[in-house]
N, C-alpha and C. Protein backbone atom coordinates (compact mmCIF):
# COMPACT_ATOMS: atom_id res chain seq x y z
N MET A 1 32.76 94.97 59.61
CA MET A 1 33.17 95.27 60.94
C MET A 1 33.39 94.14 61.96
N SER A 2 34.37 93.69 62.57
CA SER A 2 34.42 92.42 63.20
C SER A 2 34.58 92.86 64.54
N VAL A 3 34.06 92.11 65.47
CA VAL A 3 33.23 91.97 66.86
C VAL A 3 34.30 91.18 67.31
N ASN A 4 35.22 92.01 68.62
CA ASN A 4 36.42 91.25 69.28
C ASN A 4 36.30 91.71 70.49
N ILE A 5 35.24 91.20 71.78
CA ILE A 5 35.10 91.43 72.63
C ILE A 5 35.87 90.35 73.68
N PRO A 6 36.48 90.69 74.76
CA PRO A 6 36.85 89.70 75.52
C PRO A 6 35.74 89.54 76.69
N LEU A 7 36.06 87.78 76.48
CA LEU A 7 34.47 87.54 77.21
C LEU A 7 34.83 86.74 78.61
N GLY A 8 35.99 86.38 78.57
CA GLY A 8 36.35 85.92 79.90
C GLY A 8 36.20 84.09 79.85
N PRO A 9 36.19 83.64 81.12
CA PRO A 9 36.31 81.90 81.43
C PRO A 9 35.14 81.35 80.68
N LEU A 10 34.29 81.86 80.57
CA LEU A 10 32.80 81.31 80.02
C LEU A 10 33.08 81.05 78.57
N LEU A 11 34.16 81.68 77.63
CA LEU A 11 34.53 81.02 76.39
C LEU A 11 35.41 79.85 76.24
N ASP A 12 35.89 79.67 77.45
CA ASP A 12 36.94 78.79 77.54
C ASP A 12 36.71 77.48 77.26
N PRO A 13 37.23 76.44 76.33
CA PRO A 13 36.61 75.20 76.22
C PRO A 13 36.35 74.49 77.37
N ALA A 14 35.42 73.79 77.28
CA ALA A 14 34.85 72.71 78.28
C ALA A 14 35.33 71.58 77.80
N PHE A 15 35.21 70.97 76.66
CA PHE A 15 35.67 69.79 76.02
C PHE A 15 35.41 69.72 74.66
N HIS A 16 35.93 69.14 73.76
CA HIS A 16 36.00 69.59 72.57
C HIS A 16 35.27 67.87 71.72
N VAL A 17 34.88 68.55 70.24
CA VAL A 17 33.86 67.26 69.87
C VAL A 17 34.68 67.38 68.57
N GLY A 18 35.61 66.28 68.51
CA GLY A 18 36.35 66.25 67.44
C GLY A 18 37.46 67.14 67.40
N SER A 19 37.73 68.26 66.56
CA SER A 19 38.57 69.34 66.52
C SER A 19 37.72 70.74 67.30
N VAL A 20 36.41 70.58 66.99
CA VAL A 20 35.98 71.71 67.94
C VAL A 20 35.76 71.66 68.95
N PRO A 21 36.16 72.85 69.61
CA PRO A 21 36.03 73.53 70.80
C PRO A 21 34.59 73.62 71.50
N THR A 22 33.65 73.09 72.69
CA THR A 22 32.74 73.51 73.03
C THR A 22 33.27 74.29 74.29
N THR A 23 32.16 75.54 74.22
CA THR A 23 32.79 76.34 75.65
C THR A 23 31.97 76.30 76.47
N TRP A 24 32.56 76.68 77.62
CA TRP A 24 31.54 76.62 79.09
C TRP A 24 29.93 77.11 78.71
N ALA A 25 30.14 78.30 78.35
CA ALA A 25 28.61 79.10 77.65
C ALA A 25 27.99 78.34 77.04
N GLU A 26 28.50 77.82 76.25
CA GLU A 26 27.64 76.82 75.06
C GLU A 26 26.97 75.45 75.52
N LEU A 27 27.94 75.10 76.89
CA LEU A 27 27.31 73.80 77.84
C LEU A 27 26.36 74.02 78.62
N LEU A 28 26.26 75.42 79.24
CA LEU A 28 25.46 75.84 80.26
C LEU A 28 24.22 76.13 79.52
N GLY A 29 24.20 76.66 78.16
CA GLY A 29 23.34 77.04 77.37
C GLY A 29 22.37 76.30 77.13
N PHE A 30 23.02 74.99 76.93
CA PHE A 30 22.37 73.51 76.79
C PHE A 30 21.65 73.31 77.70
N ALA A 31 22.24 73.26 78.87
CA ALA A 31 21.54 72.84 80.01
C ALA A 31 20.16 73.73 80.49
N THR A 32 20.61 74.73 80.37
CA THR A 32 19.05 76.13 80.75
C THR A 32 18.50 75.95 79.90
N GLY A 33 18.69 75.81 78.59
CA GLY A 33 17.77 75.99 77.63
C GLY A 33 17.24 74.74 77.43
N ALA A 34 17.35 73.69 77.78
CA ALA A 34 16.58 72.13 77.79
C ALA A 34 15.69 72.41 79.15
N VAL A 35 15.84 72.95 80.16
CA VAL A 35 15.10 72.92 81.10
C VAL A 35 14.39 73.99 81.04
N ASN A 36 14.31 74.93 80.64
CA ASN A 36 13.94 76.17 80.45
C ASN A 36 12.38 75.70 79.57
N VAL A 37 12.82 74.85 78.37
CA VAL A 37 12.07 74.47 77.04
C VAL A 37 10.85 73.81 77.86
N TRP A 38 11.45 72.68 78.70
CA TRP A 38 10.92 71.63 79.08
C TRP A 38 9.87 72.28 80.31
N LEU A 39 10.17 73.41 80.94
CA LEU A 39 9.10 74.28 82.05
C LEU A 39 8.16 74.88 81.41
N VAL A 40 8.14 75.38 79.84
CA VAL A 40 7.23 75.99 79.26
C VAL A 40 6.50 75.10 79.15
N VAL A 41 6.43 73.95 78.53
CA VAL A 41 5.65 72.73 78.01
C VAL A 41 4.78 72.58 79.04
N ARG A 42 5.41 72.85 80.57
CA ARG A 42 4.53 72.38 81.67
C ARG A 42 3.68 73.94 82.25
N GLN A 43 4.13 74.74 81.46
CA GLN A 43 3.43 75.72 81.93
C GLN A 43 3.86 76.13 83.48
N ASN A 44 5.07 76.01 83.66
CA ASN A 44 5.50 76.30 85.11
C ASN A 44 6.68 77.81 84.95
N ILE A 45 6.10 78.37 85.98
CA ILE A 45 6.18 80.01 86.30
C ILE A 45 7.85 79.91 86.29
N LEU A 46 8.33 78.77 86.68
CA LEU A 46 10.11 78.99 87.12
C LEU A 46 10.61 78.54 85.59
N ASN A 47 9.91 78.80 84.29
CA ASN A 47 11.19 79.32 82.91
C ASN A 47 11.38 80.38 82.70
N TRP A 48 10.68 81.35 83.34
CA TRP A 48 11.08 82.62 82.87
C TRP A 48 12.45 82.91 83.69
N PRO A 49 12.81 82.69 84.72
CA PRO A 49 14.23 83.30 85.60
C PRO A 49 15.08 82.21 84.99
N ILE A 50 14.81 81.19 84.72
CA ILE A 50 15.73 80.02 83.84
C ILE A 50 16.12 80.59 82.56
N GLY A 51 15.12 80.81 82.00
CA GLY A 51 15.32 81.27 80.50
C GLY A 51 16.15 82.60 80.33
N ILE A 52 16.01 83.88 81.25
CA ILE A 52 16.77 84.86 81.24
C ILE A 52 18.20 84.22 81.52
N ALA A 53 18.55 83.35 82.26
CA ALA A 53 19.83 82.80 82.46
C ALA A 53 20.41 82.48 80.96
N ASN A 54 19.52 81.76 80.48
CA ASN A 54 20.02 81.21 78.98
C ASN A 54 20.04 81.94 78.31
N VAL A 55 19.11 83.07 78.22
CA VAL A 55 19.60 84.07 76.84
C VAL A 55 20.97 84.64 77.24
N ILE A 56 21.07 84.98 78.52
CA ILE A 56 22.66 85.95 78.25
C ILE A 56 23.74 84.89 78.16
N LEU A 57 23.61 83.28 78.23
CA LEU A 57 24.87 82.52 78.31
C LEU A 57 24.78 82.31 76.88
N LEU A 58 24.05 82.11 75.61
CA LEU A 58 23.49 81.90 74.61
C LEU A 58 24.03 83.25 73.68
N GLY A 59 23.76 84.23 74.21
CA GLY A 59 23.97 85.36 73.71
C GLY A 59 25.90 85.77 73.98
N LEU A 60 26.36 85.05 74.65
CA LEU A 60 27.86 84.98 74.84
C LEU A 60 27.97 84.29 73.17
N VAL A 61 27.72 83.26 73.40
CA VAL A 61 28.00 82.08 72.50
C VAL A 61 27.79 82.58 70.87
N PHE A 62 26.57 83.45 70.76
CA PHE A 62 26.44 83.86 69.27
C PHE A 62 27.10 84.71 68.86
N LEU A 63 27.52 85.83 70.13
CA LEU A 63 28.48 87.27 69.78
C LEU A 63 30.12 86.30 69.52
N ASP A 64 30.29 85.43 69.93
CA ASP A 64 31.83 84.90 69.67
C ASP A 64 31.68 83.87 68.56
N GLY A 65 30.70 83.40 68.21
CA GLY A 65 30.80 82.64 66.62
C GLY A 65 30.23 83.79 65.61
N GLY A 66 30.25 85.05 65.71
CA GLY A 66 29.70 86.09 64.72
C GLY A 66 28.31 86.01 64.29
N LEU A 67 27.48 85.53 65.16
CA LEU A 67 25.61 85.69 65.08
C LEU A 67 25.40 86.71 65.96
N TYR A 68 25.61 87.97 64.92
CA TYR A 68 25.45 89.50 65.53
C TYR A 68 23.98 89.42 66.06
N ALA A 69 23.06 89.29 64.98
CA ALA A 69 21.44 89.58 65.14
C ALA A 69 21.07 88.69 66.27
N ASP A 70 21.43 86.93 66.44
CA ASP A 70 20.96 86.23 67.40
C ASP A 70 21.49 86.83 68.66
N SER A 71 22.74 87.50 68.81
CA SER A 71 23.38 87.87 69.92
C SER A 71 22.85 89.11 70.47
N GLY A 72 22.41 90.19 69.73
CA GLY A 72 21.81 91.15 69.91
C GLY A 72 19.93 90.75 70.33
N LEU A 73 19.66 89.41 69.63
CA LEU A 73 18.38 89.16 70.02
C LEU A 73 18.34 88.86 71.47
N GLN A 74 19.07 88.34 72.13
CA GLN A 74 19.00 88.13 73.44
C GLN A 74 18.67 89.36 74.28
N VAL A 75 19.25 90.68 74.02
CA VAL A 75 18.56 91.73 74.90
C VAL A 75 17.26 92.00 74.95
N PHE A 76 16.76 91.83 73.96
CA PHE A 76 15.00 91.93 73.58
C PHE A 76 14.51 90.53 74.49
N TYR A 77 15.03 89.49 74.31
CA TYR A 77 14.70 88.15 75.05
C TYR A 77 14.50 88.47 76.54
N ILE A 78 15.45 88.98 77.02
CA ILE A 78 15.54 89.20 78.74
C ILE A 78 14.19 90.19 78.98
N ALA A 79 13.96 91.20 77.86
CA ALA A 79 12.97 92.16 78.17
C ALA A 79 11.57 91.40 77.69
N LEU A 80 11.36 90.66 76.92
CA LEU A 80 10.33 89.58 76.79
C LEU A 80 10.18 88.78 77.91
N GLN A 81 11.23 88.07 78.35
CA GLN A 81 11.18 87.09 79.10
C GLN A 81 10.67 87.88 80.51
N SER A 82 11.07 89.27 80.76
CA SER A 82 10.61 90.18 81.87
C SER A 82 9.03 90.23 82.06
N TYR A 83 8.35 90.49 80.57
CA TYR A 83 7.33 90.79 80.41
C TYR A 83 6.24 89.36 80.47
N GLY A 84 6.91 88.30 79.83
CA GLY A 84 6.46 87.14 79.89
C GLY A 84 5.87 86.87 81.25
N TRP A 85 6.95 86.90 82.03
CA TRP A 85 6.67 86.39 83.75
C TRP A 85 5.94 87.13 84.31
N TRP A 86 5.64 88.47 84.21
CA TRP A 86 4.44 89.31 84.63
C TRP A 86 3.16 88.59 83.93
N VAL A 87 3.08 88.79 83.00
CA VAL A 87 1.82 88.25 82.04
C VAL A 87 1.22 87.29 82.58
N TRP A 88 2.10 86.09 82.92
CA TRP A 88 1.54 85.06 83.25
C TRP A 88 1.30 84.54 84.70
N LEU A 89 1.91 85.72 85.61
CA LEU A 89 1.19 85.61 86.97
C LEU A 89 -0.06 86.39 86.97
N TYR A 90 0.22 87.85 85.92
CA TYR A 90 -1.47 88.43 86.34
C TYR A 90 -2.07 88.84 85.14
N GLY A 91 -1.91 88.19 84.17
CA GLY A 91 -2.53 88.31 82.70
C GLY A 91 -3.70 87.72 82.36
N GLY A 92 -4.26 86.97 83.20
CA GLY A 92 -5.39 86.34 83.08
C GLY A 92 -6.60 87.12 83.69
N ASP A 93 -7.74 86.64 83.46
CA ASP A 93 -9.03 87.63 83.98
C ASP A 93 -9.02 88.11 85.37
N GLY A 94 -9.06 89.04 86.15
CA GLY A 94 -9.19 89.20 87.30
C GLY A 94 -7.85 89.17 87.89
N ARG A 95 -7.02 89.09 86.67
CA ARG A 95 -5.59 89.44 87.16
C ARG A 95 -4.65 87.88 87.65
N ASP A 96 -5.48 86.97 87.49
CA ASP A 96 -4.94 85.72 87.74
C ASP A 96 -4.41 85.02 86.46
N ASN A 97 -4.10 83.85 86.66
CA ASN A 97 -3.16 83.03 85.92
C ASN A 97 -3.70 83.13 84.56
N LEU A 98 -2.71 83.13 83.59
CA LEU A 98 -2.98 83.31 81.90
C LEU A 98 -3.34 82.00 81.54
N PRO A 99 -4.66 81.79 80.82
CA PRO A 99 -4.74 80.38 80.27
C PRO A 99 -4.40 80.44 78.36
N VAL A 100 -4.33 79.35 78.36
CA VAL A 100 -3.84 79.07 76.81
C VAL A 100 -4.72 79.15 75.56
N ARG A 101 -4.30 80.18 74.80
CA ARG A 101 -5.83 80.30 73.88
C ARG A 101 -5.12 80.41 72.37
N ARG A 102 -5.63 80.53 71.59
CA ARG A 102 -5.72 80.51 69.99
C ARG A 102 -5.11 81.83 69.72
N THR A 103 -4.53 82.00 68.62
CA THR A 103 -4.05 83.29 67.72
C THR A 103 -4.86 83.96 67.13
N ARG A 104 -5.48 85.00 67.02
CA ARG A 104 -6.52 85.89 66.22
C ARG A 104 -5.82 86.35 65.30
N ARG A 105 -6.98 86.58 63.81
CA ARG A 105 -6.51 86.83 62.67
C ARG A 105 -5.84 87.99 62.75
N ASP A 106 -6.58 89.26 63.56
CA ASP A 106 -5.48 90.28 63.69
C ASP A 106 -4.01 90.33 64.39
N GLU A 107 -3.89 89.41 65.17
CA GLU A 107 -2.70 88.96 65.54
C GLU A 107 -1.72 88.51 64.84
N TRP A 108 -2.12 87.41 64.16
CA TRP A 108 -1.17 86.77 63.29
C TRP A 108 -0.74 87.71 62.25
N ALA A 109 -1.56 88.78 61.48
CA ALA A 109 -1.25 89.75 60.61
C ALA A 109 -0.30 90.65 61.24
N ALA A 110 -0.29 91.14 62.51
CA ALA A 110 0.62 91.56 62.98
C ALA A 110 1.67 91.35 62.98
N LEU A 111 2.07 89.89 63.57
CA LEU A 111 3.00 89.44 64.04
C LEU A 111 3.63 89.13 62.59
N ILE A 112 3.10 88.68 61.55
CA ILE A 112 4.16 88.66 60.10
C ILE A 112 4.07 89.71 59.52
N VAL A 113 3.71 90.87 59.46
CA VAL A 113 4.01 92.54 59.04
C VAL A 113 5.25 92.87 59.77
N ALA A 114 5.17 92.51 61.22
CA ALA A 114 6.41 93.13 61.64
C ALA A 114 7.66 91.82 61.66
N GLY A 115 7.35 90.63 61.50
CA GLY A 115 8.31 89.79 61.34
C GLY A 115 9.52 89.99 60.04
N ALA A 116 8.35 90.19 58.90
CA ALA A 116 8.90 90.45 57.81
C ALA A 116 9.75 91.94 57.79
N ALA A 117 9.23 92.77 58.43
CA ALA A 117 10.18 94.29 58.52
C ALA A 117 11.11 94.04 59.48
N ALA A 118 11.02 93.11 60.16
CA ALA A 118 12.16 93.16 60.92
C ALA A 118 13.52 92.34 59.99
N THR A 119 12.97 91.42 59.43
CA THR A 119 13.81 90.40 58.61
C THR A 119 14.79 90.96 57.87
N ALA A 120 14.09 92.21 57.18
CA ALA A 120 14.61 93.05 56.23
C ALA A 120 15.34 93.85 56.59
N LEU A 121 15.07 94.47 57.92
CA LEU A 121 16.03 95.69 58.41
C LEU A 121 17.28 94.77 59.03
N LEU A 122 16.83 93.63 59.64
CA LEU A 122 18.50 93.26 59.95
C LEU A 122 18.95 92.53 59.07
N THR A 123 18.50 91.93 57.92
CA THR A 123 19.71 91.57 56.90
C THR A 123 20.23 92.83 56.50
N TRP A 124 19.95 93.84 56.27
CA TRP A 124 20.34 95.15 55.50
C TRP A 124 21.44 95.41 56.39
N ALA A 125 21.10 95.91 58.00
CA ALA A 125 22.11 95.94 59.04
C ALA A 125 23.26 94.91 58.78
N LEU A 126 23.14 94.04 59.06
CA LEU A 126 24.05 92.83 59.05
C LEU A 126 24.97 93.06 57.86
N SER A 127 24.30 93.13 56.60
CA SER A 127 25.38 93.12 55.65
C SER A 127 26.42 94.39 55.46
N ALA A 128 25.73 95.58 56.01
CA ALA A 128 26.02 96.29 55.83
C ALA A 128 26.74 96.81 57.08
N TRP A 129 26.72 96.27 58.29
CA TRP A 129 27.51 96.89 59.21
C TRP A 129 28.56 95.78 60.03
N THR A 130 28.49 94.29 59.46
CA THR A 130 28.94 93.33 60.27
C THR A 130 29.69 92.30 59.27
N ASP A 131 30.51 91.72 59.62
CA ASP A 131 31.22 90.42 58.47
C ASP A 131 30.38 89.24 58.62
N SER A 132 29.01 89.26 58.88
CA SER A 132 28.32 88.04 59.06
C SER A 132 28.31 87.15 57.62
N THR A 133 28.58 86.20 57.95
CA THR A 133 28.55 85.42 56.13
C THR A 133 27.24 84.36 56.38
N VAL A 134 26.14 84.74 57.36
CA VAL A 134 24.49 84.31 57.11
C VAL A 134 23.77 85.50 57.37
N ALA A 135 23.94 86.49 56.98
CA ALA A 135 23.08 87.56 57.37
C ALA A 135 21.51 87.76 57.06
N PHE A 136 20.91 87.16 56.00
CA PHE A 136 19.89 86.50 55.90
C PHE A 136 19.20 85.82 56.89
N TRP A 137 19.84 84.52 56.71
CA TRP A 137 19.40 83.69 57.94
C TRP A 137 19.32 83.92 59.62
N ASP A 138 20.60 84.49 60.11
CA ASP A 138 20.55 85.22 60.85
C ASP A 138 19.26 86.22 61.48
N ALA A 139 19.03 87.01 60.35
CA ALA A 139 17.77 88.16 60.54
C ALA A 139 16.29 86.86 60.47
N LEU A 140 16.51 86.20 59.70
CA LEU A 140 15.51 85.31 59.84
C LEU A 140 14.81 84.80 60.76
N THR A 141 15.91 83.95 61.76
CA THR A 141 15.47 83.39 62.87
C THR A 141 15.39 84.31 63.88
N THR A 142 16.11 85.43 63.97
CA THR A 142 16.01 86.29 65.20
C THR A 142 14.51 86.77 64.89
N ALA A 143 14.00 87.40 63.57
CA ALA A 143 12.55 87.68 63.63
C ALA A 143 11.54 86.73 63.77
N ILE A 144 11.67 85.51 63.64
CA ILE A 144 10.75 84.22 63.90
C ILE A 144 10.88 83.80 65.50
N SER A 145 11.74 83.95 65.77
CA SER A 145 12.29 83.76 67.53
C SER A 145 11.49 85.23 68.09
N LEU A 146 11.51 86.02 68.00
CA LEU A 146 10.92 87.52 68.76
C LEU A 146 9.60 87.18 68.54
N MET A 147 9.07 86.86 67.16
CA MET A 147 7.31 86.19 67.06
C MET A 147 7.03 85.23 68.16
N ALA A 148 7.73 84.27 68.02
CA ALA A 148 7.49 82.87 68.93
C ALA A 148 7.52 83.60 70.66
N VAL A 149 8.45 84.35 70.59
CA VAL A 149 8.46 84.56 72.27
C VAL A 149 7.62 85.87 72.77
N TYR A 150 7.21 86.31 71.75
CA TYR A 150 5.93 87.24 72.33
C TYR A 150 4.71 86.27 72.41
N GLY A 151 4.32 85.38 71.76
CA GLY A 151 3.11 84.52 71.30
C GLY A 151 3.43 83.89 73.15
N GLN A 152 4.62 83.36 73.00
CA GLN A 152 4.81 82.54 74.28
C GLN A 152 4.32 83.22 75.34
N SER A 153 4.50 84.41 75.59
CA SER A 153 4.14 85.52 76.77
C SER A 153 2.96 85.46 77.00
N ARG A 154 2.00 85.38 75.74
CA ARG A 154 0.80 85.36 75.69
C ARG A 154 -0.25 84.19 75.91
N LYS A 155 0.98 83.20 76.14
CA LYS A 155 0.22 81.83 75.95
C LYS A 155 -0.73 81.42 74.93
N LEU A 156 0.01 81.94 73.34
CA LEU A 156 -0.75 81.82 72.53
C LEU A 156 -0.54 80.02 71.55
N LEU A 157 -1.30 79.48 71.62
CA LEU A 157 -0.97 77.99 71.10
C LEU A 157 0.03 78.05 70.25
N GLU A 158 -0.23 79.05 68.92
CA GLU A 158 0.44 78.73 67.58
C GLU A 158 1.71 79.17 67.87
N SER A 159 2.08 79.85 68.76
CA SER A 159 3.52 80.03 69.10
C SER A 159 4.86 78.83 68.90
N TRP A 160 4.07 77.63 69.31
CA TRP A 160 5.02 76.52 68.71
C TRP A 160 5.62 76.19 67.74
N TRP A 161 4.34 76.37 67.05
CA TRP A 161 4.74 76.79 65.22
C TRP A 161 5.96 77.46 64.94
N LEU A 162 5.60 78.30 65.86
CA LEU A 162 6.83 79.40 65.23
C LEU A 162 8.34 79.26 65.76
N TRP A 163 7.97 78.44 67.20
CA TRP A 163 9.57 77.84 67.48
C TRP A 163 9.91 76.69 66.68
N ILE A 164 9.06 75.97 66.38
CA ILE A 164 9.33 74.63 65.23
C ILE A 164 9.88 75.35 64.02
N THR A 165 9.43 76.09 63.27
CA THR A 165 9.98 76.62 62.06
C THR A 165 11.15 77.41 62.64
N ALA A 166 11.50 78.18 63.54
CA ALA A 166 12.99 78.52 63.51
C ALA A 166 13.97 77.41 63.74
N ASP A 167 13.50 76.79 64.89
CA ASP A 167 14.49 75.09 65.06
C ASP A 167 14.63 74.71 64.17
N LEU A 168 13.67 74.53 62.82
CA LEU A 168 14.52 74.05 61.76
C LEU A 168 15.50 74.42 60.78
N VAL A 169 15.43 75.90 61.21
CA VAL A 169 16.74 77.21 60.25
C VAL A 169 17.56 76.80 61.18
N TYR A 170 17.45 77.07 62.61
CA TYR A 170 18.78 77.12 63.49
C TYR A 170 19.66 75.74 63.46
N ILE A 171 18.84 74.65 63.49
CA ILE A 171 20.33 73.26 63.75
C ILE A 171 20.85 73.22 62.64
N PRO A 172 20.86 73.56 61.18
CA PRO A 172 21.55 73.47 60.04
C PRO A 172 22.29 75.07 60.25
N LEU A 173 22.26 75.80 60.53
CA LEU A 173 22.81 77.05 60.97
C LEU A 173 23.77 77.22 62.02
N TYR A 174 23.43 76.47 63.06
CA TYR A 174 24.54 76.42 64.04
C TYR A 174 25.42 75.42 63.78
N PHE A 175 25.31 74.49 63.56
CA PHE A 175 25.94 73.38 62.71
C PHE A 175 27.18 73.69 61.42
N HIS A 176 26.67 74.81 60.89
CA HIS A 176 27.70 75.51 59.67
C HIS A 176 28.51 76.08 60.56
N LYS A 177 28.01 77.07 61.53
CA LYS A 177 28.81 77.78 62.27
C LYS A 177 29.62 77.24 63.34
N ASP A 178 29.72 75.76 63.40
CA ASP A 178 30.62 75.07 64.65
C ASP A 178 30.47 74.90 65.71
N LEU A 179 29.01 75.47 65.79
CA LEU A 179 28.34 75.42 67.12
C LEU A 179 27.46 74.06 67.47
N LYS A 180 28.82 72.84 67.26
CA LYS A 180 27.93 71.62 67.13
C LYS A 180 26.93 71.41 68.50
N LEU A 181 27.26 71.51 69.70
CA LEU A 181 26.36 71.34 70.75
C LEU A 181 24.97 72.15 70.92
N THR A 182 25.32 73.27 70.50
CA THR A 182 24.06 74.24 70.12
C THR A 182 23.20 74.04 69.05
N SER A 183 23.68 73.31 68.04
CA SER A 183 23.20 72.58 66.79
C SER A 183 22.36 71.48 67.76
N VAL A 184 22.90 70.35 68.21
CA VAL A 184 22.30 69.47 68.84
C VAL A 184 21.21 69.94 70.06
N LEU A 185 21.25 71.19 70.93
CA LEU A 185 20.36 71.71 71.56
C LEU A 185 19.06 71.75 71.11
N TYR A 186 19.35 72.63 70.03
CA TYR A 186 17.96 73.06 69.06
C TYR A 186 17.42 71.57 68.52
N VAL A 187 17.91 70.46 68.47
CA VAL A 187 17.29 69.37 68.00
C VAL A 187 15.88 69.01 69.19
N VAL A 188 17.00 69.48 69.95
CA VAL A 188 16.11 68.97 71.49
C VAL A 188 15.42 69.83 71.67
N PHE A 189 15.50 71.00 71.39
CA PHE A 189 14.17 72.11 71.47
C PHE A 189 13.28 71.88 70.23
N LEU A 190 13.69 70.99 69.17
CA LEU A 190 12.50 70.89 68.51
C LEU A 190 11.54 69.99 69.22
N THR A 191 12.30 68.68 69.61
CA THR A 191 11.48 67.80 70.23
C THR A 191 10.40 68.10 71.55
N LEU A 192 11.08 68.99 71.91
CA LEU A 192 10.16 69.61 73.19
C LEU A 192 9.21 70.53 72.53
N CYS A 193 9.52 71.40 71.53
CA CYS A 193 8.38 72.31 70.96
C CYS A 193 7.42 71.34 70.62
N VAL A 194 7.64 70.02 69.89
CA VAL A 194 6.43 69.20 69.61
C VAL A 194 5.53 68.83 70.58
N PHE A 195 6.39 68.52 71.69
CA PHE A 195 5.59 68.15 72.85
C PHE A 195 4.69 69.21 73.40
N GLY A 196 5.73 70.28 73.42
CA GLY A 196 4.93 71.44 73.96
C GLY A 196 3.37 71.82 72.94
N LEU A 197 3.34 71.54 71.80
CA LEU A 197 2.41 72.16 70.83
C LEU A 197 1.32 71.09 71.66
N LEU A 198 1.50 69.90 71.52
CA LEU A 198 0.32 68.83 71.86
C LEU A 198 -0.30 68.94 73.44
N ALA A 199 0.92 69.45 74.07
CA ALA A 199 0.45 69.48 75.75
C ALA A 199 -0.46 70.89 75.86
N TRP A 200 -0.01 72.02 75.40
CA TRP A 200 -1.26 73.32 75.10
C TRP A 200 -2.34 73.07 74.53
N ARG A 201 -2.01 72.32 73.33
CA ARG A 201 -3.61 72.08 72.76
C ARG A 201 -4.60 71.00 73.44
N ARG A 202 -3.60 70.26 74.58
CA ARG A 202 -4.68 69.25 75.15
C ARG A 202 -5.32 70.08 76.36
N ASP A 203 -4.56 70.96 76.75
CA ASP A 203 -4.78 71.92 78.03
C ASP A 203 -6.09 72.62 77.33
N LEU A 204 -6.16 73.37 75.99
CA LEU A 204 -7.01 74.24 75.48
C LEU A 204 -8.29 73.66 75.16
N ARG A 205 -8.20 71.91 74.80
CA ARG A 205 -9.19 71.52 74.55
C ARG A 205 -9.68 71.06 75.85
N SER A 206 -9.54 71.14 77.04
CA SER A 206 -9.49 70.73 78.09
C SER A 206 -10.86 71.55 78.89
N ARG A 207 -10.63 72.89 78.54
CA ARG A 207 -11.08 74.16 79.01
C ARG A 207 -12.95 73.79 78.73
N PRO A 208 -13.70 74.11 79.99
CA PRO A 208 -14.97 74.09 79.28
C PRO A 208 -15.71 74.75 78.04
N ALA A 209 -16.55 74.24 77.44
CA ALA A 209 -16.95 75.30 76.18
C ALA A 209 -17.28 76.29 76.25
N GLY A 210 -17.79 76.96 77.47
CA GLY A 210 -18.67 78.16 77.69
C GLY A 210 -17.32 78.89 78.00
N ASP A 211 -16.19 78.41 78.62
CA ASP A 211 -15.11 79.41 79.16
C ASP A 211 -14.37 80.03 77.81
N PRO A 212 -14.98 81.38 78.08
CA PRO A 212 -14.16 82.62 77.30
C PRO A 212 -12.61 82.83 77.10
N ALA A 213 -11.99 82.92 75.96
CA ALA A 213 -10.88 83.11 76.02
C ALA A 213 -10.36 84.16 76.50
N PRO A 214 -9.41 84.91 77.31
CA PRO A 214 -9.07 86.48 77.73
C PRO A 214 -8.58 87.09 76.44
N VAL A 215 -8.97 87.98 76.49
CA VAL A 215 -8.92 89.45 76.03
C VAL A 215 -7.22 89.90 75.91
N ALA A 216 -6.55 90.14 74.86
CA ALA A 216 -5.69 90.60 74.49
C ALA A 216 -5.04 91.79 75.42
N ALA A 217 -4.13 91.86 75.91
CA ALA A 217 -3.62 93.11 76.62
C ALA A 217 -3.21 94.00 75.62
């Protein structure tokens, strides 16, 4: 099944990299995405509304590029971004700001099982119902990204490792799909994720030894 939806001027070329056009949606997605990850690194609450704008823009780019799972992922991202926004504001002890913490073993187990199931289901769905040429990789990055954004919403330190893993797959995947600027964006994301991991680790280590980690909702 081929998806052909008129998406308007956002998919008009803003400029060309060689013979490959870069759309306005991809360009704006680049800008909002970089700002979004930078704000997450700094634990700034404004990352959530900017992140919602970013996923809408990238959803258009992925749909136009035939990355259907990544496009559909943006709907879940919006829901998770809204959830994360609320949790960062009110999810801590006494409904205050949420501190960084490590991922517990039971959380890792649940995330891995859910991620494996999502990858298998999406690979089958994309192979059966779409003309995707990268069904497995599209499904895998979708599943890892959902795991990562959930971890980010709970301020789990190891969510950065999930983002780094996803980015290492996204970079060649988007380059292969002629989304050159988006591929470059994910190189920027990868760099920011390393900074984020280090910054959140410092924040966690700076917490007084007797300060208990919050209980997950």
